[in-house]
Amino acid sequence: MALSKFLNVRNDYAFKRIFGTEKNKDILIHFLNDILDLTDDNQIKDVSFLSPIQDPVIASQKQSIVDVLCVDSTGVKTIIEMQVAKTRGFEKRAQYYAAKAYSSQADVGDQYHDLKGVIFIAIADFILFPNKLAYKSDHVTFDKMTFEHDLKDFSFTFIELPKFNKTKEDQLENIVEKWIYFFKHADETSEEDLKKVIGSDVIIGRAYDELNQYNWSKEERLAYDQAKKRTDDYLSTLEEKLHEGILIGKEEGILIGHEKGRAEGIKIGAEKGREEGEKQAKIAVAKNLLKAGVSVDLIAESTGLPQAEIAQLKEEISQ
């Protein structure tokens, strides 16, 4: 990993500093136009920041608080979420947030035809859709028969960072790839590599400047470190639960294997029994972790089960 003066943009405080402040509003506008592929008259010209609290009651329980919520000059609201660890039902949470932002426009007696659209953008540091190869997916509502786009008020864009495999600056082909590279590798970018990343894209350079730790005050760096600690503690707890689950699963698997081996009465049977028992234990652990919202790729790495098999288990659980 290259030595870098840049901090991690996936940090909650750093992300909001760049994309959620009036000072850097031009960075946010540039990012939205690039990621949503808005050109000419469709481009976002200006935005106003709104309260990130979607529901005061639920927010009091540390939920329903989005990273960035803004509205453009046409009234369209955009929600932007930086999600480091997968939580159970994240895709449903995305739809909930969008629905809250949409319904909050209407008071009793309002005309529904005046409602404006909602855009949800998530940058996820985990695999959200294991069956999709693309790192960026855009979701809208189509007529199933004609594929006409009649219901236009909701759109969802998901960026899955683990699927973005370009690690060299000279591999980047367009502005979207530069943004994804920024999210994934900013804290590894050297001064020399930075020139290759920025090129003629001044706003990307501005975003990197905001991550330059030498431009931060002591108070800002403290807030950054506190946000990092909260994330690290959460991930550590998740990893500990995963480790405990695997250990318990292995012990149960060995017991099951021995029981089957004794039933068969031969050494080969015992070996097969142990293998089957261990696999059943891994499956049991995988199911528990899926229910806890752990990502498919992390479960596969930890248990050794194929991702396709874990994805099948996930479908069975959801039915």
Protein backbone atom coordinates (compact mmCIF):
# COMPACT_ATOMS: atom_id res chain seq x y z
CA MET A 1 0.00 0.00 0.00
CA ALA A 2 1.38 3.38 -1.00
CA LEU A 3 2.01 6.01 1.64
CA SER A 4 -0.67 8.65 1.32
CA LYS A 5 -1.55 11.96 2.91
CA PHE A 6 -5.21 11.38 2.11
CA LEU A 7 -7.69 10.04 4.63
CA ASN A 8 -10.39 7.44 4.02
CA VAL A 9 -13.47 8.87 2.30
CA ARG A 10 -15.51 5.88 3.49
CA ASN A 11 -15.18 7.27 7.01
CA ASP A 12 -18.56 8.69 8.07
CA TYR A 13 -17.19 12.10 9.06
CA ALA A 14 -14.98 12.44 5.97
CA PHE A 15 -17.82 11.46 3.64
CA LYS A 16 -20.19 14.06 5.07
CA ARG A 17 -17.43 16.70 5.04
CA ILE A 18 -17.01 16.28 1.28
CA PHE A 19 -20.57 15.60 0.13
CA GLY A 20 -22.77 17.06 2.85
CA THR A 21 -21.56 20.62 3.45
CA GLU A 22 -22.45 23.95 1.86
CA LYS A 23 -18.75 24.65 1.38
CA ASN A 24 -18.36 21.68 -0.97
CA LYS A 25 -21.74 21.84 -2.66
CA ASP A 26 -20.11 22.05 -6.10
CA ILE A 27 -18.38 18.71 -5.47
CA LEU A 28 -21.73 17.10 -4.63
CA ILE A 29 -23.41 18.55 -7.74
CA HIS A 30 -20.57 17.37 -9.97
CA PHE A 31 -20.72 13.89 -8.40
CA LEU A 32 -24.50 13.61 -8.88
CA ASN A 33 -24.38 14.67 -12.54
CA ASP A 34 -21.55 12.21 -13.20
CA ILE A 35 -23.02 9.19 -11.40
CA LEU A 36 -26.55 9.76 -12.72
CA ASP A 37 -25.25 10.56 -16.22
CA LEU A 38 -27.13 13.86 -16.37
CA THR A 39 -26.19 16.08 -19.28
CA ASP A 40 -27.26 19.36 -20.87
CA ASP A 41 -30.68 20.58 -19.68
CA ASN A 42 -31.07 17.58 -17.37
CA GLN A 43 -28.05 18.50 -15.26
CA ILE A 44 -28.48 19.46 -11.64
CA LYS A 45 -27.63 23.15 -11.31
CA ASP A 46 -28.04 23.71 -7.59
CA VAL A 47 -28.99 21.82 -4.41
CA SER A 48 -30.10 22.68 -0.91
CA PHE A 49 -29.29 20.47 2.06
CA LEU A 50 -32.14 19.05 4.13
CA SER A 51 -32.16 17.47 7.58
CA PRO A 52 -30.76 13.91 7.32
CA ILE A 53 -33.29 12.70 9.91
CA GLN A 54 -36.03 10.86 8.03
CA ASP A 55 -38.20 9.92 10.99
CA PRO A 56 -37.67 11.62 14.38
CA VAL A 57 -39.18 8.71 16.33
CA ILE A 58 -37.04 6.04 14.69
CA ALA A 59 -34.03 8.35 14.63
CA SER A 60 -34.13 8.46 18.41
CA GLN A 61 -33.30 4.75 18.24
CA LYS A 62 -30.27 5.53 16.05
CA GLN A 63 -32.02 4.58 12.83
CA SER A 64 -33.48 6.48 9.87
CA ILE A 65 -30.62 8.98 9.68
CA VAL A 66 -29.16 9.23 6.18
CA ASP A 67 -25.69 10.53 5.32
CA VAL A 68 -26.76 13.23 2.86
CA LEU A 69 -30.23 14.44 1.91
CA CYS A 70 -30.61 17.29 -0.56
CA VAL A 71 -33.13 18.77 -2.98
CA ASP A 72 -32.30 20.28 -6.35
CA SER A 73 -33.81 23.39 -7.95
CA THR A 74 -36.59 21.32 -9.59
CA GLY A 75 -37.68 19.81 -6.26
CA VAL A 76 -36.22 16.33 -6.79
CA LYS A 77 -34.75 14.91 -3.58
CA THR A 78 -31.55 12.86 -3.52
CA ILE A 79 -30.44 10.58 -0.70
CA ILE A 80 -26.80 9.49 -0.59
CA GLU A 81 -25.61 6.71 1.71
CA MET A 82 -22.05 5.47 2.36
CA GLN A 83 -22.44 1.98 3.83
CA VAL A 84 -19.30 0.25 5.13
CA ALA A 85 -20.78 -2.95 6.56
CA LYS A 86 -23.85 -4.75 5.31
CA THR A 87 -26.84 -4.59 7.58
CA ARG A 88 -29.81 -6.90 7.28
CA GLY A 89 -32.37 -5.63 4.79
CA PHE A 90 -30.26 -2.77 3.45
CA GLU A 91 -32.07 -2.78 0.11
CA LYS A 92 -35.40 -2.53 1.95
CA ARG A 93 -34.03 0.30 4.06
CA ALA A 94 -33.14 2.12 0.83
CA GLN A 95 -36.74 1.84 -0.35
CA TYR A 96 -38.03 2.96 3.05
CA TYR A 97 -35.84 6.06 3.02
CA ALA A 98 -36.97 6.90 -0.51
CA ALA A 99 -40.64 6.42 0.43
CA LYS A 100 -40.25 8.67 3.51
CA ALA A 101 -38.63 11.41 1.45
CA TYR A 102 -41.43 11.13 -1.12
CA SER A 103 -44.36 11.07 1.31
CA SER A 104 -42.95 13.94 3.37
CA GLN A 105 -43.87 16.30 0.51
CA ALA A 106 -47.61 15.73 0.88
CA ASP A 107 -49.73 17.38 3.55
CA VAL A 108 -53.44 16.73 3.94
CA GLY A 109 -55.25 18.18 0.94
CA ASP A 110 -52.16 18.50 -1.23
CA GLN A 111 -52.33 17.74 -4.92
CA TYR A 112 -50.47 14.48 -5.63
CA HIS A 113 -49.54 15.56 -9.13
CA ASP A 114 -47.17 18.08 -7.56
CA LEU A 115 -45.04 15.40 -5.90
CA LYS A 116 -41.42 15.38 -7.04
CA GLY A 117 -39.19 12.37 -7.59
CA VAL A 118 -36.66 10.80 -5.22
CA ILE A 119 -33.23 9.43 -6.10
CA PHE A 120 -31.38 7.05 -3.79
CA ILE A 121 -27.64 6.51 -4.24
CA ALA A 122 -25.70 4.01 -2.14
CA ILE A 123 -21.94 3.45 -2.13
CA ALA A 124 -21.54 0.05 -0.50
CA ASP A 125 -18.26 -1.44 0.70
CA PHE A 126 -19.72 -4.93 0.37
CA ILE A 127 -21.42 -7.17 -2.18
CA LEU A 128 -25.11 -6.35 -2.22
CA PHE A 129 -26.21 -8.26 -5.33
CA PRO A 130 -23.99 -11.37 -5.64
CA ASN A 131 -25.55 -12.43 -8.94
CA LYS A 132 -24.70 -9.14 -10.68
CA LEU A 133 -21.27 -8.64 -12.21
CA ALA A 134 -21.44 -4.86 -12.66
CA TYR A 135 -20.18 -2.65 -9.84
CA LYS A 136 -22.84 -0.01 -10.60
CA SER A 137 -26.52 -0.82 -11.08
CA ASP A 138 -29.44 1.52 -11.69
CA HIS A 139 -32.97 0.47 -10.75
CA VAL A 140 -36.21 2.06 -11.97
CA THR A 141 -39.83 0.92 -12.41
CA PHE A 142 -40.80 -0.51 -15.80
CA ASP A 143 -43.98 -1.99 -17.25
CA LYS A 144 -43.31 -5.77 -17.26
CA MET A 145 -44.93 -6.23 -20.67
CA THR A 146 -43.86 -3.18 -22.66
CA PHE A 147 -40.85 -2.00 -20.58
CA GLU A 148 -42.26 1.51 -20.71
CA HIS A 149 -41.06 3.80 -17.94
CA ASP A 150 -44.40 5.22 -16.75
CA LEU A 151 -43.69 5.44 -13.01
CA LYS A 152 -40.73 7.79 -12.94
CA ASP A 153 -40.59 9.17 -9.42
CA PHE A 154 -38.20 6.63 -7.87
CA SER A 155 -34.73 5.55 -8.92
CA PHE A 156 -32.04 3.66 -7.04
CA THR A 157 -28.34 3.54 -7.87
CA PHE A 158 -26.09 1.08 -6.04
CA ILE A 159 -22.29 1.11 -6.27
CA GLU A 160 -20.64 -2.06 -4.93
CA LEU A 161 -16.99 -1.21 -4.31
CA PRO A 162 -15.66 -4.81 -4.02
CA LYS A 163 -16.71 -5.42 -7.63
CA PHE A 164 -14.54 -2.56 -8.92
CA ASN A 165 -11.27 -4.28 -9.81
CA LYS A 166 -9.23 -1.50 -11.38
CA THR A 167 -6.25 -0.73 -9.14
CA LYS A 168 -4.06 1.39 -11.45
CA GLU A 169 -4.66 5.03 -12.27
CA ASP A 170 -4.01 4.57 -15.98
CA GLN A 171 -6.81 1.97 -16.15
CA LEU A 172 -9.51 4.55 -15.44
CA GLU A 173 -11.54 5.23 -18.58
CA ASN A 174 -14.18 7.76 -17.54
CA ILE A 175 -15.33 10.11 -14.78
CA VAL A 176 -17.52 7.47 -13.10
CA GLU A 177 -14.53 5.15 -12.74
CA LYS A 178 -12.53 8.01 -11.27
CA TRP A 179 -15.20 8.54 -8.61
CA ILE A 180 -15.32 4.83 -7.77
CA TYR A 181 -11.53 4.73 -7.59
CA PHE A 182 -11.69 7.73 -5.25
CA PHE A 183 -14.08 5.92 -2.90
CA LYS A 184 -12.06 2.73 -2.90
CA HIS A 185 -8.42 3.87 -3.08
CA ALA A 186 -8.16 7.54 -2.02
CA ASP A 187 -6.33 6.70 1.21
CA GLU A 188 -3.76 4.71 -0.79
CA THR A 189 -3.16 7.35 -3.45
CA SER A 190 0.30 8.93 -3.60
CA GLU A 191 1.03 12.46 -4.79
CA GLU A 192 2.50 11.11 -8.01
CA ASP A 193 -0.50 8.88 -8.72
CA LEU A 194 -2.89 11.72 -7.95
CA LYS A 195 -1.92 13.60 -11.11
CA LYS A 196 -2.87 10.59 -13.21
CA VAL A 197 -6.21 10.24 -11.45
CA ILE A 198 -7.22 13.88 -11.69
CA GLY A 199 -6.16 14.64 -15.25
CA SER A 200 -8.31 17.57 -16.31
CA ASP A 201 -11.08 16.86 -13.78
CA VAL A 202 -10.71 19.77 -11.37
CA ILE A 203 -13.56 18.71 -9.09
CA ILE A 204 -11.97 15.31 -8.47
CA GLY A 205 -8.88 17.22 -7.41
CA ARG A 206 -11.02 19.30 -5.02
CA ALA A 207 -12.40 16.14 -3.47
CA TYR A 208 -8.87 14.85 -2.86
CA ASP A 209 -7.88 18.21 -1.34
CA GLU A 210 -10.70 17.83 1.16
CA LEU A 211 -9.22 14.48 2.20
CA ASN A 212 -5.72 15.89 2.69
CA GLN A 213 -5.18 15.33 6.41
CA TYR A 214 -2.78 18.26 6.63
CA ASN A 215 -5.66 20.61 5.81
CA TRP A 216 -7.70 19.37 8.79
CA SER A 217 -7.87 21.00 12.21
CA LYS A 218 -7.26 19.02 15.40
CA GLU A 219 -10.99 19.05 16.13
CA GLU A 220 -11.83 17.71 12.65
CA ARG A 221 -9.23 14.98 12.93
CA LEU A 222 -10.62 14.00 16.34
CA ALA A 223 -14.11 13.70 14.87
CA TYR A 224 -12.67 11.57 12.05
CA ASP A 225 -10.88 9.27 14.52
CA GLN A 226 -14.01 8.90 16.62
CA ALA A 227 -16.03 7.94 13.56
CA LYS A 228 -13.35 5.42 12.61
CA LYS A 229 -13.42 3.90 16.09
CA ARG A 230 -17.20 3.46 15.96
CA THR A 231 -16.92 1.66 12.64
CA ASP A 232 -13.96 -0.47 13.77
CA ASP A 233 -15.78 -1.48 16.95
CA TYR A 234 -18.84 -2.49 14.97
CA LEU A 235 -16.84 -4.55 12.48
CA SER A 236 -14.83 -6.14 15.28
CA THR A 237 -18.01 -7.21 17.04
CA LEU A 238 -19.35 -8.64 13.80
CA GLU A 239 -16.12 -10.56 13.16
CA GLU A 240 -16.11 -11.94 16.72
CA LYS A 241 -19.66 -13.22 16.33
CA LEU A 242 -18.70 -14.79 13.02
CA HIS A 243 -15.65 -16.50 14.56
CA GLU A 244 -17.65 -17.84 17.50
CA GLY A 245 -20.28 -19.17 15.16
CA ILE A 246 -17.73 -21.03 13.05
CA LEU A 247 -16.04 -22.59 16.11
CA ILE A 248 -19.38 -23.80 17.46
CA GLY A 249 -20.32 -25.06 14.03
CA LYS A 250 -17.08 -27.06 13.70
CA GLU A 251 -17.58 -28.71 17.09
CA GLU A 252 -21.16 -29.65 16.21
CA GLY A 253 -20.02 -30.90 12.84
CA ILE A 254 -17.42 -33.23 14.35
CA LEU A 255 -20.03 -34.68 16.72
CA ILE A 256 -22.47 -35.26 13.88
CA GLY A 257 -19.71 -36.81 11.83
CA HIS A 258 -18.77 -39.27 14.58
CA GLU A 259 -22.39 -40.26 15.09
CA LYS A 260 -22.83 -41.04 11.41
CA GLY A 261 -19.51 -42.89 11.37
CA ARG A 262 -20.54 -45.14 14.25
CA ALA A 263 -23.87 -45.83 12.61
CA GLU A 264 -22.15 -47.03 9.46
CA GLY A 265 -19.67 -49.04 11.53
CA ILE A 266 -16.70 -48.54 9.26
CA LYS A 267 -13.84 -46.08 9.04
CA ILE A 268 -14.91 -44.76 5.66
CA GLY A 269 -18.37 -44.14 7.01
CA ALA A 270 -16.98 -42.22 9.95
CA GLU A 271 -14.91 -40.02 7.64
CA LYS A 272 -17.87 -39.34 5.40
CA GLY A 273 -19.97 -38.67 8.44
CA ARG A 274 -17.52 -36.12 9.77
CA GLU A 275 -17.36 -34.40 6.41
CA GLU A 276 -21.13 -34.31 6.12
CA GLY A 277 -21.43 -33.13 9.69
CA GLU A 278 -18.94 -30.34 9.16
CA LYS A 279 -20.75 -29.25 6.03
CA GLN A 280 -24.11 -29.24 7.79
CA ALA A 281 -22.56 -27.21 10.59
CA LYS A 282 -21.17 -24.71 8.09
CA ILE A 283 -24.60 -24.46 6.49
CA ALA A 284 -26.15 -23.83 9.90
CA VAL A 285 -23.59 -21.12 10.62
CA ALA A 286 -24.14 -19.58 7.19
CA LYS A 287 -27.90 -19.43 7.77
CA ASN A 288 -27.44 -17.71 11.12
CA LEU A 289 -25.03 -15.19 9.62
CA LEU A 290 -27.39 -14.49 6.72
CA LYS A 291 -30.16 -13.78 9.21
CA ALA A 292 -27.76 -11.39 10.95
CA GLY A 293 -27.20 -9.52 7.69
CA VAL A 294 -23.60 -10.61 7.03
CA SER A 295 -22.63 -10.34 3.34
CA VAL A 296 -22.48 -13.43 1.12
CA ASP A 297 -18.82 -12.91 0.20
CA LEU A 298 -17.72 -12.64 3.85
CA ILE A 299 -19.66 -15.80 4.77
CA ALA A 300 -18.10 -17.65 1.83
CA GLU A 301 -14.63 -16.57 2.87
CA SER A 302 -15.19 -17.60 6.48
CA THR A 303 -17.00 -20.94 6.01
CA GLY A 304 -15.51 -22.10 2.73
CA LEU A 305 -18.95 -22.65 1.21
CA PRO A 306 -19.43 -21.58 -2.44
CA GLN A 307 -21.08 -18.19 -2.92
CA ALA A 308 -23.72 -19.77 -5.15
CA GLU A 309 -24.68 -22.19 -2.37
CA ILE A 310 -24.88 -19.37 0.18
CA ALA A 311 -27.00 -17.31 -2.24
CA GLN A 312 -29.37 -20.30 -2.51
CA LEU A 313 -29.58 -20.50 1.28
CA LYS A 314 -30.39 -16.79 1.35
CA GLU A 315 -33.29 -17.34 -1.07
CA GLU A 316 -34.62 -20.22 1.06
CA ILE A 317 -34.50 -18.06 4.20
CA SER A 318 -36.34 -15.18 2.54
CA GLN A 319 -39.19 -17.42 1.32
